[in-house]
PDB file of N, CA and C in Angstrom:
ATOM      1  N   MET A   1      88.513  74.444 105.802  1.00  0.00           N
ATOM      2  CA  MET A   1      88.126  75.786 105.310  1.00  0.00           C
ATOM      3  C   MET A   1      88.465  76.836 106.281  1.00  0.00           C
ATOM      4  N   LEU A   2      88.981  77.893 105.686  1.00  0.00           N
ATOM      5  CA  LEU A   2      89.454  78.951 106.512  1.00  0.00           C
ATOM      6  C   LEU A   2      88.237  79.904 106.835  1.00  0.00           C
ATOM      7  N   THR A   3      88.171  80.379 108.121  1.00  0.00           N
ATOM      8  CA  THR A   3      87.174  81.344 108.429  1.00  0.00           C
ATOM      9  C   THR A   3      87.694  82.835 108.290  1.00  0.00           C
ATOM     10  N   PHE A   4      86.808  83.767 108.271  1.00  0.00           N
ATOM     11  CA  PHE A   4      87.405  85.129 108.253  1.00  0.00           C
ATOM     12  C   PHE A   4      88.429  85.372 109.377  1.00  0.00           C
ATOM     13  N   ASP A   5      88.095  84.848 110.549  1.00  0.00           N
ATOM     14  CA  ASP A   5      88.986  84.963 111.726  1.00  0.00           C
ATOM     15  C   ASP A   5      90.376  84.450 111.472  1.00  0.00           C
ATOM     16  N   ASP A   6      90.283  83.246 110.925  1.00  0.00           N
ATOM     17  CA  ASP A   6      91.667  82.624 110.426  1.00  0.00           C
ATOM     18  C   ASP A   6      92.486  83.554 109.457  1.00  0.00           C
ATOM     19  N   CYS A   7      91.741  84.228 108.659  1.00  0.00           N
ATOM     20  CA  CYS A   7      92.394  85.072 107.677  1.00  0.00           C
ATOM     21  C   CYS A   7      92.943  86.276 108.288  1.00  0.00           C
ATOM     22  N   VAL A   8      92.278  86.858 109.210  1.00  0.00           N
ATOM     23  CA  VAL A   8      92.713  87.952 110.109  1.00  0.00           C
ATOM     24  C   VAL A   8      94.001  87.694 110.800  1.00  0.00           C
ATOM     25  N   ALA A   9      93.923  86.431 111.329  1.00  0.00           N
ATOM     26  CA  ALA A   9      95.157  86.129 112.157  1.00  0.00           C
ATOM     27  C   ALA A   9      96.324  85.817 111.331  1.00  0.00           C
ATOM     28  N   LEU A  10      96.107  85.517 110.069  1.00  0.00           N
ATOM     29  CA  LEU A  10      97.305  85.216 109.217  1.00  0.00           C
ATOM     30  C   LEU A  10      97.736  86.476 108.454  1.00  0.00           C
ATOM     31  N   CYS A  11      97.125  87.493 108.428  1.00  0.00           N
ATOM     32  CA  CYS A  11      97.606  88.679 107.559  1.00  0.00           C
ATOM     33  C   CYS A  11      98.333  89.765 108.419  1.00  0.00           C
ATOM     34  N   ASP A  12      98.539  89.592 109.656  1.00  0.00           N
ATOM     35  CA  ASP A  12      99.294  90.633 110.328  1.00  0.00           C
ATOM     36  C   ASP A  12      98.660  92.023 110.387  1.00  0.00           C
ATOM     37  N   LEU A  13      97.333  92.011 110.231  1.00  0.00           N
ATOM     38  CA  LEU A  13      96.565  93.252 110.301  1.00  0.00           C
ATOM     39  C   LEU A  13      95.453  92.975 111.369  1.00  0.00           C
ATOM     40  N   THR A  14      94.917  93.998 111.894  1.00  0.00           N
ATOM     41  CA  THR A  14      93.772  93.912 112.734  1.00  0.00           C
ATOM     42  C   THR A  14      92.504  93.963 111.843  1.00  0.00           C
ATOM     43  N   GLU A  15      91.432  93.624 112.448  1.00  0.00           N
ATOM     44  CA  GLU A  15      90.084  93.601 111.777  1.00  0.00           C
ATOM     45  C   GLU A  15      89.739  95.169 111.399  1.00  0.00           C
ATOM     46  N   GLU A  16      90.226  96.067 112.247  1.00  0.00           N
ATOM     47  CA  GLU A  16      89.834  97.432 111.959  1.00  0.00           C
ATOM     48  C   GLU A  16      90.688  97.876 110.726  1.00  0.00           C
ATOM     49  N   GLU A  17      91.901  97.500 110.663  1.00  0.00           N
ATOM     50  CA  GLU A  17      92.745  97.912 109.480  1.00  0.00           C
ATOM     51  C   GLU A  17      92.168  97.281 108.351  1.00  0.00           C
ATOM     52  N   ILE A  18      91.739  95.984 108.453  1.00  0.00           N
ATOM     53  CA  ILE A  18      91.213  95.358 107.146  1.00  0.00           C
ATOM     54  C   ILE A  18      90.032  96.042 106.765  1.00  0.00           C
ATOM     55  N   ALA A  19      89.123  96.549 107.781  1.00  0.00           N
ATOM     56  CA  ALA A  19      88.020  97.395 107.468  1.00  0.00           C
ATOM     57  C   ALA A  19      88.306  98.640 106.723  1.00  0.00           C
ATOM     58  N   ALA A  20      89.395  99.303 107.130  1.00  0.00           N
ATOM     59  CA  ALA A  20      89.771 100.476 106.431  1.00  0.00           C
ATOM     60  C   ALA A  20      90.251 100.195 104.911  1.00  0.00           C
ATOM     61  N   ILE A  21      90.916  99.122 104.683  1.00  0.00           N
ATOM     62  CA  ILE A  21      91.271  98.612 103.306  1.00  0.00           C
ATOM     63  C   ILE A  21      89.873  98.377 102.536  1.00  0.00           C
ATOM     64  N   ALA A  22      89.022  97.592 103.219  1.00  0.00           N
ATOM     65  CA  ALA A  22      87.740  97.348 102.403  1.00  0.00           C
ATOM     66  C   ALA A  22      87.058  98.544 102.180  1.00  0.00           C
ATOM     67  N   GLU A  23      87.061  99.526 102.960  1.00  0.00           N
ATOM     68  CA  GLU A  23      86.345 100.898 102.790  1.00  0.00           C
ATOM     69  C   GLU A  23      87.030 101.570 101.626  1.00  0.00           C
ATOM     70  N   HIS A  24      88.291 101.649 101.685  1.00  0.00           N
ATOM     71  CA  HIS A  24      88.964 102.461 100.690  1.00  0.00           C
ATOM     72  C   HIS A  24      88.942 101.844  99.250  1.00  0.00           C
ATOM     73  N   GLU A  25      88.951 100.479  99.249  1.00  0.00           N
ATOM     74  CA  GLU A  25      88.979  99.796  97.855  1.00  0.00           C
ATOM     75  C   GLU A  25      87.489  99.322  97.442  1.00  0.00           C
ATOM     76  N   HIS A  26      86.575  99.433  98.426  1.00  0.00           N
ATOM     77  CA  HIS A  26      85.172  99.018  98.135  1.00  0.00           C
ATOM     78  C   HIS A  26      85.106  97.546  97.818  1.00  0.00           C
ATOM     79  N   LEU A  27      85.697  96.802  98.822  1.00  0.00           N
ATOM     80  CA  LEU A  27      85.835  95.364  98.694  1.00  0.00           C
ATOM     81  C   LEU A  27      85.176  94.602  99.857  1.00  0.00           C
ATOM     82  N   PRO A  28      84.744  93.392  99.710  1.00  0.00           N
ATOM     83  CA  PRO A  28      84.175  92.597 100.921  1.00  0.00           C
ATOM     84  C   PRO A  28      85.421  92.445 101.902  1.00  0.00           C
ATOM     85  N   MET A  29      85.165  92.295 103.082  1.00  0.00           N
ATOM     86  CA  MET A  29      86.165  92.145 104.156  1.00  0.00           C
ATOM     87  C   MET A  29      87.158  91.024 103.796  1.00  0.00           C
ATOM     88  N   ILE A  30      86.743  89.868 103.312  1.00  0.00           N
ATOM     89  CA  ILE A  30      87.593  88.648 103.170  1.00  0.00           C
ATOM     90  C   ILE A  30      88.553  89.038 102.018  1.00  0.00           C
ATOM     91  N   VAL A  31      88.162  89.805 101.019  1.00  0.00           N
ATOM     92  CA  VAL A  31      89.012  90.192  99.925  1.00  0.00           C
ATOM     93  C   VAL A  31      90.009  91.246 100.441  1.00  0.00           C
ATOM     94  N   ALA A  32      89.505  92.185 101.234  1.00  0.00           N
ATOM     95  CA  ALA A  32      90.371  93.149 101.856  1.00  0.00           C
ATOM     96  C   ALA A  32      91.437  92.496 102.698  1.00  0.00           C
ATOM     97  N   ALA A  33      91.118  91.389 103.514  1.00  0.00           N
ATOM     98  CA  ALA A  33      92.123  90.704 104.288  1.00  0.00           C
ATOM     99  C   ALA A  33      93.234  90.195 103.425  1.00  0.00           C
ATOM    100  N   GLU A  34      92.778  89.582 102.265  1.00  0.00           N
ATOM    101  CA  GLU A  34      93.810  89.031 101.388  1.00  0.00           C
ATOM    102  C   GLU A  34      94.585  90.126 100.811  1.00  0.00           C
ATOM    103  N   LEU A  35      94.096  91.296 100.361  1.00  0.00           N
ATOM    104  CA  LEU A  35      94.807  92.466  99.821  1.00  0.00           C
ATOM    105  C   LEU A  35      95.707  92.929 100.953  1.00  0.00           C
ATOM    106  N   GLY A  36      95.213  93.075 102.008  1.00  0.00           N
ATOM    107  CA  GLY A  36      96.035  93.656 103.209  1.00  0.00           C
ATOM    108  C   GLY A  36      97.309  92.774 103.478  1.00  0.00           C
ATOM    109  N   ASN A  37      97.041  91.448 103.338  1.00  0.00           N
ATOM    110  CA  ASN A  37      98.170  90.537 103.559  1.00  0.00           C
ATOM    111  C   ASN A  37      99.271  90.820 102.413  1.00  0.00           C
ATOM    112  N   TYR A  38      98.709  90.835 101.259  1.00  0.00           N
ATOM    113  CA  TYR A  38      99.697  91.116 100.081  1.00  0.00           C
ATOM    114  C   TYR A  38     100.429  92.563 100.268  1.00  0.00           C
ATOM    115  N   LEU A  39      99.584  93.484 100.604  1.00  0.00           N
ATOM    116  CA  LEU A  39     100.325  94.797 100.764  1.00  0.00           C
ATOM    117  C   LEU A  39     101.345  94.781 101.938  1.00  0.00           C
ATOM    118  N   ILE A  40     100.923  94.308 103.101  1.00  0.00           N
ATOM    119  CA  ILE A  40     101.847  94.386 104.313  1.00  0.00           C
ATOM    120  C   ILE A  40     103.093  93.620 104.121  1.00  0.00           C
ATOM    121  N   HIS A  41     103.176  92.549 103.262  1.00  0.00           N
ATOM    122  CA  HIS A  41     104.238  91.839 103.170  1.00  0.00           C
ATOM    123  C   HIS A  41     105.091  92.103 101.884  1.00  0.00           C
ATOM    124  N   GLY A  42     104.650  93.192 101.213  1.00  0.00           N
ATOM    125  CA  GLY A  42     105.362  93.679  99.975  1.00  0.00           C
ATOM    126  C   GLY A  42     106.347  94.814 100.380  1.00  0.00           C
ATOM    127  N   PRO A  43     107.135  95.242  99.512  1.00  0.00           N
ATOM    128  CA  PRO A  43     108.019  96.338  99.789  1.00  0.00           C
ATOM    129  C   PRO A  43     107.376  97.693 100.160  1.00  0.00           C
ATOM    130  N   ASP A  44     107.752  98.238 101.184  1.00  0.00           N
ATOM    131  CA  ASP A  44     107.091  99.462 101.884  1.00  0.00           C
ATOM    132  C   ASP A  44     105.631  99.270 102.064  1.00  0.00           C
ATOM    133  N   GLY A  45     105.304  98.041 102.333  1.00  0.00           N
ATOM    134  CA  GLY A  45     103.866  97.646 102.721  1.00  0.00           C
ATOM    135  C   GLY A  45     103.189  98.436 103.733  1.00  0.00           C
ATOM    136  N   ALA A  46     103.843  98.528 104.790  1.00  0.00           N
ATOM    137  CA  ALA A  46     103.265  99.240 106.031  1.00  0.00           C
ATOM    138  C   ALA A  46     102.956 100.688 105.598  1.00  0.00           C
ATOM    139  N   LEU A  47     103.838 101.294 104.674  1.00  0.00           N
ATOM    140  CA  LEU A  47     103.572 102.715 104.230  1.00  0.00           C
ATOM    141  C   LEU A  47     102.386 102.818 103.269  1.00  0.00           C
ATOM    142  N   ARG A  48     102.209 101.627 102.587  1.00  0.00           N
ATOM    143  CA  ARG A  48     101.085 101.652 101.697  1.00  0.00           C
ATOM    144  C   ARG A  48      99.792 101.532 102.393  1.00  0.00           C
ATOM    145  N   VAL A  49      99.800 100.700 103.500  1.00  0.00           N
ATOM    146  CA  VAL A  49      98.598 100.602 104.402  1.00  0.00           C
ATOM    147  C   VAL A  49      98.223 101.893 105.000  1.00  0.00           C
ATOM    148  N   LYS A  50      99.375 102.424 105.501  1.00  0.00           N
ATOM    149  CA  LYS A  50      99.251 103.826 106.189  1.00  0.00           C
ATOM    150  C   LYS A  50      98.648 104.799 105.245  1.00  0.00           C
ATOM    151  N   ARG A  51      98.992 104.830 103.921  1.00  0.00           N
ATOM    152  CA  ARG A  51      98.436 105.777 102.992  1.00  0.00           C
ATOM    153  C   ARG A  51      96.851 105.570 102.906  1.00  0.00           C
ATOM    154  N   ILE A  52      96.527 104.215 102.882  1.00  0.00           N
ATOM    155  CA  ILE A  52      95.066 103.887 102.636  1.00  0.00           C
ATOM    156  C   ILE A  52      94.232 104.386 103.900  1.00  0.00           C
ATOM    157  N   ILE A  53      94.784 104.106 105.025  1.00  0.00           N
ATOM    158  CA  ILE A  53      94.002 104.643 106.349  1.00  0.00           C
ATOM    159  C   ILE A  53      94.020 106.113 106.369  1.00  0.00           C
ATOM    160  N   LEU A  54      95.130 106.865 105.949  1.00  0.00           N
ATOM    161  CA  LEU A  54      94.986 108.281 105.805  1.00  0.00           C
ATOM    162  C   LEU A  54      94.069 108.841 104.812  1.00  0.00           C
ATOM    163  N   ASP A  55      93.910 108.109 103.634  1.00  0.00           N
ATOM    164  CA  ASP A  55      92.980 108.420 102.623  1.00  0.00           C
ATOM    165  C   ASP A  55      91.451 108.341 103.227  1.00  0.00           C
ATOM    166  N   ASP A  56      91.357 107.234 104.015  1.00  0.00           N
ATOM    167  CA  ASP A  56      89.995 106.947 104.652  1.00  0.00           C
ATOM    168  C   ASP A  56      89.703 108.157 105.553  1.00  0.00           C
ATOM    169  N   VAL A  57      90.634 108.569 106.310  1.00  0.00           N
ATOM    170  CA  VAL A  57      90.448 109.697 107.443  1.00  0.00           C
ATOM    171  C   VAL A  57      90.123 110.907 106.650  1.00  0.00           C
ATOM    172  N   THR A  58      90.690 111.292 105.432  1.00  0.00           N
ATOM    173  CA  THR A  58      90.417 112.447 104.654  1.00  0.00           C
ATOM    174  C   THR A  58      89.065 112.298 104.179  1.00  0.00           C
ATOM    175  N   ALA A  59      88.720 111.187 103.576  1.00  0.00           N
ATOM    176  CA  ALA A  59      87.268 110.979 103.111  1.00  0.00           C
ATOM    177  C   ALA A  59      86.179 111.096 104.066  1.00  0.00           C
ATOM    178  N   ALA A  60      86.471 110.666 105.350  1.00  0.00           N
ATOM    179  CA  ALA A  60      85.423 110.843 106.426  1.00  0.00           C
ATOM    180  C   ALA A  60      85.360 112.253 106.802  1.00  0.00           C
ATOM    181  N   ASN A  61      86.418 112.979 106.852  1.00  0.00           N
ATOM    182  CA  ASN A  61      86.404 114.390 107.299  1.00  0.00           C
ATOM    183  C   ASN A  61      85.676 115.212 106.041  1.00  0.00           C
ATOM    184  N   ARG A  62      85.911 114.780 104.936  1.00  0.00           N
ATOM    185  CA  ARG A  62      85.208 115.629 103.812  1.00  0.00           C
ATOM    186  C   ARG A  62      83.751 115.338 103.863  1.00  0.00           C
ATOM    187  N   ALA A  63      83.380 114.128 104.256  1.00  0.00           N
ATOM    188  CA  ALA A  63      81.924 113.792 104.375  1.00  0.00           C
ATOM    189  C   ALA A  63      81.309 114.311 105.719  1.00  0.00           C
ATOM    190  N   GLY A  64      82.110 114.905 106.448  1.00  0.00           N
ATOM    191  CA  GLY A  64      81.573 115.440 107.729  1.00  0.00           C
ATOM    192  C   GLY A  64      81.461 114.432 108.792  1.00  0.00           C
ATOM    193  N   ASP A  65      81.796 113.336 108.665  1.00  0.00           N
ATOM    194  CA  ASP A  65      81.634 112.197 109.580  1.00  0.00           C
ATOM    195  C   ASP A  65      82.876 112.294 110.544  1.00  0.00           C
ATOM    196  N   VAL A  66      82.721 113.190 111.598  1.00  0.00           N
ATOM    197  CA  VAL A  66      83.858 113.312 112.492  1.00  0.00           C
ATOM    198  C   VAL A  66      84.110 112.140 113.397  1.00  0.00           C
ATOM    199  N   ARG A  67      83.052 111.399 113.711  1.00  0.00           N
ATOM    200  CA  ARG A  67      83.211 110.311 114.588  1.00  0.00           C
ATOM    201  C   ARG A  67      83.962 109.165 113.839  1.00  0.00           C
ATOM    202  N   HIS A  68      83.662 108.915 112.550  1.00  0.00           N
ATOM    203  CA  HIS A  68      84.510 107.843 111.762  1.00  0.00           C
ATOM    204  C   HIS A  68      85.840 108.344 111.528  1.00  0.00           C
ATOM    205  N   ALA A  69      86.098 109.609 111.326  1.00  0.00           N
ATOM    206  CA  ALA A  69      87.383 110.049 111.103  1.00  0.00           C
ATOM    207  C   ALA A  69      88.184 109.841 112.367  1.00  0.00           C
ATOM    208  N   LEU A  70      87.609 110.160 113.586  1.00  0.00           N
ATOM    209  CA  LEU A  70      88.339 109.894 114.819  1.00  0.00           C
ATOM    210  C   LEU A  70      88.661 108.424 114.992  1.00  0.00           C
ATOM    211  N   THR A  71      87.640 107.543 114.628  1.00  0.00           N
ATOM    212  CA  THR A  71      87.883 106.119 114.871  1.00  0.00           C
ATOM    213  C   THR A  71      89.090 105.660 113.866  1.00  0.00           C
ATOM    214  N   LEU A  72      89.117 106.237 112.635  1.00  0.00           N
ATOM    215  CA  LEU A  72      90.137 105.862 111.684  1.00  0.00           C
ATOM    216  C   LEU A  72      91.544 106.458 112.238  1.00  0.00           C
ATOM    217  N   LYS A  73      91.570 107.517 112.964  1.00  0.00           N
ATOM    218  CA  LYS A  73      92.730 108.148 113.446  1.00  0.00           C
ATOM    219  C   LYS A  73      93.273 107.087 114.520  1.00  0.00           C
ATOM    220  N   LEU A  74      92.389 106.575 115.283  1.00  0.00           N
ATOM    221  CA  LEU A  74      92.759 105.711 116.345  1.00  0.00           C
ATOM    222  C   LEU A  74      93.424 104.357 115.676  1.00  0.00           C
ATOM    223  N   VAL A  75      92.685 103.883 114.694  1.00  0.00           N
ATOM    224  CA  VAL A  75      93.207 102.764 113.828  1.00  0.00           C
ATOM    225  C   VAL A  75      94.546 103.094 113.320  1.00  0.00           C
ATOM    226  N   LEU A  76      94.799 104.242 112.757  1.00  0.00           N
ATOM    227  CA  LEU A  76      96.078 104.615 112.212  1.00  0.00           C
ATOM    228  C   LEU A  76      97.173 104.655 113.231  1.00  0.00           C
ATOM    229  N   ARG A  77      96.814 105.265 114.436  1.00  0.00           N
ATOM    230  CA  ARG A  77      97.794 105.377 115.572  1.00  0.00           C
ATOM    231  C   ARG A  77      98.252 103.798 116.077  1.00  0.00           C
ATOM    232  N   HIS A  78      97.187 102.949 116.133  1.00  0.00           N
ATOM    233  CA  HIS A  78      97.559 101.643 116.540  1.00  0.00           C
ATOM    234  C   HIS A  78      98.434 101.000 115.522  1.00  0.00           C
ATOM    235  N   PHE A  79      98.152 101.261 114.226  1.00  0.00           N
ATOM    236  CA  PHE A  79      98.862 100.573 113.158  1.00  0.00           C
ATOM    237  C   PHE A  79     100.208 101.098 113.269  1.00  0.00           C
ATOM    238  N   VAL A  80     100.538 102.320 113.415  1.00  0.00           N
ATOM    239  CA  VAL A  80     101.902 102.972 113.300  1.00  0.00           C
ATOM    240  C   VAL A  80     102.558 102.326 114.608  1.00  0.00           C
ATOM    241  N   GLU A  81     101.832 102.255 115.664  1.00  0.00           N
ATOM    242  CA  GLU A  81     102.599 101.738 116.864  1.00  0.00           C
ATOM    243  C   GLU A  81     102.984 100.225 116.715  1.00  0.00           C
ATOM    244  N   ARG A  82     102.276  99.478 115.927  1.00  0.00           N
ATOM    245  CA  ARG A  82     102.651  98.018 115.601  1.00  0.00           C
ATOM    246  C   ARG A  82     103.663  97.955 114.553  1.00  0.00           C
ATOM    247  N   HIS A  83     103.786  98.982 113.710  1.00  0.00           N
ATOM    248  CA  HIS A  83     104.725  98.961 112.504  1.00  0.00           C
ATOM    249  C   HIS A  83     105.474 100.127 112.696  1.00  0.00           C
ATOM    250  N   PRO A  84     106.629 100.157 113.516  1.00  0.00           N
ATOM    251  CA  PRO A  84     107.486 101.220 113.652  1.00  0.00           C
ATOM    252  C   PRO A  84     108.165 101.804 112.438  1.00  0.00           C
ATOM    253  N   GLU A  85     108.163 101.002 111.334  1.00  0.00           N
ATOM    254  CA  GLU A  85     108.906 101.499 110.231  1.00  0.00           C
ATOM    255  C   GLU A  85     107.999 102.768 109.512  1.00  0.00           C
ATOM    256  N   CYS A  86     106.744 102.836 110.034  1.00  0.00           N
ATOM    257  CA  CYS A  86     106.023 104.005 109.597  1.00  0.00           C
ATOM    258  C   CYS A  86     106.175 105.402 110.326  1.00  0.00           C
ATOM    259  N   LYS A  87     106.802 105.203 111.478  1.00  0.00           N
ATOM    260  CA  LYS A  87     107.009 106.392 112.312  1.00  0.00           C
ATOM    261  C   LYS A  87     107.897 107.342 111.657  1.00  0.00           C
ATOM    262  N   LYS A  88     107.461 108.590 111.570  1.00  0.00           N
ATOM    263  CA  LYS A  88     108.353 109.690 110.962  1.00  0.00           C
ATOM    264  C   LYS A  88     108.668 109.366 109.493  1.00  0.00           C
ATOM    265  N   ARG A  89     107.831 108.623 108.922  1.00  0.00           N
ATOM    266  CA  ARG A  89     108.035 108.380 107.278  1.00  0.00           C
ATOM    267  C   ARG A  89     106.731 108.766 106.688  1.00  0.00           C
ATOM    268  N   ARG A  90     106.859 109.344 105.570  1.00  0.00           N
ATOM    269  CA  ARG A  90     105.642 109.682 104.763  1.00  0.00           C
ATOM    270  C   ARG A  90     104.983 108.402 104.267  1.00  0.00           C
ATOM    271  N   PRO A  91     103.676 108.342 103.992  1.00  0.00           N
ATOM    272  CA  PRO A  91     103.120 107.272 103.547  1.00  0.00           C
ATOM    273  C   PRO A  91     103.441 107.137 102.080  1.00  0.00           C
ATOM    274  N   ALA A  92     103.096 105.816 101.507  1.00  0.00           N
ATOM    275  CA  ALA A  92     103.396 105.681 100.105  1.00  0.00           C
ATOM    276  C   ALA A  92     102.509 106.677  99.230  1.00  0.00           C
ATOM    277  N   PRO A  93     103.018 107.075  98.078  1.00  0.00           N
ATOM    278  CA  PRO A  93     102.245 107.876  97.203  1.00  0.00           C
ATOM    279  C   PRO A  93     100.997 107.236  96.775  1.00  0.00           C
ATOM    280  N   ARG A  94      99.947 108.057  96.597  1.00  0.00           N
ATOM    281  CA  ARG A  94      98.640 107.413  96.136  1.00  0.00           C
ATOM    282  C   ARG A  94      98.865 106.546  94.853  1.00  0.00           C
ATOM    283  N   ARG A  95      99.531 107.130  93.932  1.00  0.00           N
ATOM    284  CA  ARG A  95      99.681 106.357  92.709  1.00  0.00           C
ATOM    285  C   ARG A  95     100.321 104.996  92.844  1.00  0.00           C
ATOM    286  N   VAL A  96     101.271 104.964  93.771  1.00  0.00           N
ATOM    287  CA  VAL A  96     101.995 103.566  94.006  1.00  0.00           C
ATOM    288  C   VAL A  96     100.992 102.668  94.639  1.00  0.00           C
ATOM    289  N   VAL A  97     100.140 103.200  95.530  1.00  0.00           N
ATOM    290  CA  VAL A  97      99.199 102.260  96.225  1.00  0.00           C
ATOM    291  C   VAL A  97      98.117 101.816  95.164  1.00  0.00           C
ATOM    292  N   SER A  98      97.636 102.718  94.329  1.00  0.00           N
ATOM    293  CA  SER A  98      96.689 102.483  93.290  1.00  0.00           C
ATOM    294  C   SER A  98      97.164 101.279  92.320  1.00  0.00           C
ATOM    295  N   GLU A  99      98.388 101.567  91.975  1.00  0.00           N
ATOM    296  CA  GLU A  99      99.116 100.609  90.929  1.00  0.00           C
ATOM    297  C   GLU A  99      99.264  99.219  91.693  1.00  0.00           C
ATOM    298  N   THR A 100      99.622  99.124  92.961  1.00  0.00           N
ATOM    299  CA  THR A 100      99.847  97.925  93.586  1.00  0.00           C
ATOM    300  C   THR A 100      98.447  97.191  93.705  1.00  0.00           C
ATOM    301  N   VAL A 101      97.436  98.004  94.078  1.00  0.00           N
ATOM    302  CA  VAL A 101      96.147  97.272  94.193  1.00  0.00           C
ATOM    303  C   VAL A 101      95.655  96.842  92.910  1.00  0.00           C
ATOM    304  N   ARG A 102      95.767  97.582  91.916  1.00  0.00           N
ATOM    305  CA  ARG A 102      95.381  97.131  90.578  1.00  0.00           C
ATOM    306  C   ARG A 102      95.975  95.829  90.066  1.00  0.00           C
ATOM    307  N   GLN A 103      97.275  95.762  90.288  1.00  0.00           N
ATOM    308  CA  GLN A 103      98.035  94.576  90.028  1.00  0.00           C
ATOM    309  C   GLN A 103      97.555  93.334  90.748  1.00  0.00           C
ATOM    310  N   PHE A 104      97.278  93.623  92.062  1.00  0.00           N
ATOM    311  CA  PHE A 104      96.753  92.575  92.879  1.00  0.00           C
ATOM    312  C   PHE A 104      95.506  92.002  92.354  1.00  0.00           C
ATOM    313  N   LEU A 105      94.581  92.913  92.236  1.00  0.00           N
ATOM    314  CA  LEU A 105      93.256  92.614  91.618  1.00  0.00           C
ATOM    315  C   LEU A 105      93.195  91.894  90.369  1.00  0.00           C
ATOM    316  N   GLU A 106      94.111  92.257  89.454  1.00  0.00           N
ATOM    317  CA  GLU A 106      94.244  91.642  88.150  1.00  0.00           C
ATOM    318  C   GLU A 106      94.787  90.127  88.318  1.00  0.00           C
ATOM    319  N   THR A 107      95.605  89.932  89.225  1.00  0.00           N
ATOM    320  CA  THR A 107      96.261  88.676  89.403  1.00  0.00           C
ATOM    321  C   THR A 107      95.297  87.693  90.146  1.00  0.00           C
ATOM    322  N   THR A 108      94.277  88.273  90.784  1.00  0.00           N
ATOM    323  CA  THR A 108      93.450  87.419  91.691  1.00  0.00           C
ATOM    324  C   THR A 108      92.014  87.274  90.907  1.00  0.00           C
ATOM    325  N   GLN A 109      91.783  87.733  89.851  1.00  0.00           N
ATOM    326  CA  GLN A 109      90.582  87.633  89.160  1.00  0.00           C
ATOM    327  C   GLN A 109      90.457  86.146  88.688  1.00  0.00           C
ATOM    328  N   PRO A 110      89.289  85.570  88.909  1.00  0.00           N
ATOM    329  CA  PRO A 110      88.999  84.193  88.622  1.00  0.00           C
ATOM    330  C   PRO A 110      88.915  84.200  87.006  1.00  0.00           C
ATOM    331  N   ALA A 111      89.422  83.135  86.456  1.00  0.00           N
ATOM    332  CA  ALA A 111      89.507  82.905  84.879  1.00  0.00           C
ATOM    333  C   ALA A 111      87.915  82.755  84.560  1.00  0.00           C
ATOM    334  N   ALA A 112      87.503  83.424  83.463  1.00  0.00           N
ATOM    335  CA  ALA A 112      86.108  83.238  82.945  1.00  0.00           C
ATOM    336  C   ALA A 112      86.013  82.088  82.111  1.00  0.00           C
TER     337      ALA A 112
END
């Protein structure tokens, strides 16, 4: 059986980046790790994850949670350093990220 740490090691994202995805999509961390793996290995995946982290920064600023916003900015900086394809490129549009997440969640829903 895979542990959460195994999933983190397999998905090319840090635990903090996975936490940002979990926060953005209101998912458990293990599901966010799977989603993150799906996103990062898809077309323009790094730009989609970048959009998610940026959205989380915006939400934290709007909520007045300056400390969390700064933490997320550090997560974003580390992410962009590890994914140079993000440097000097705009993040994916929100609608593209939303559509990709919706498609992922639809395909991973257990059969009733």
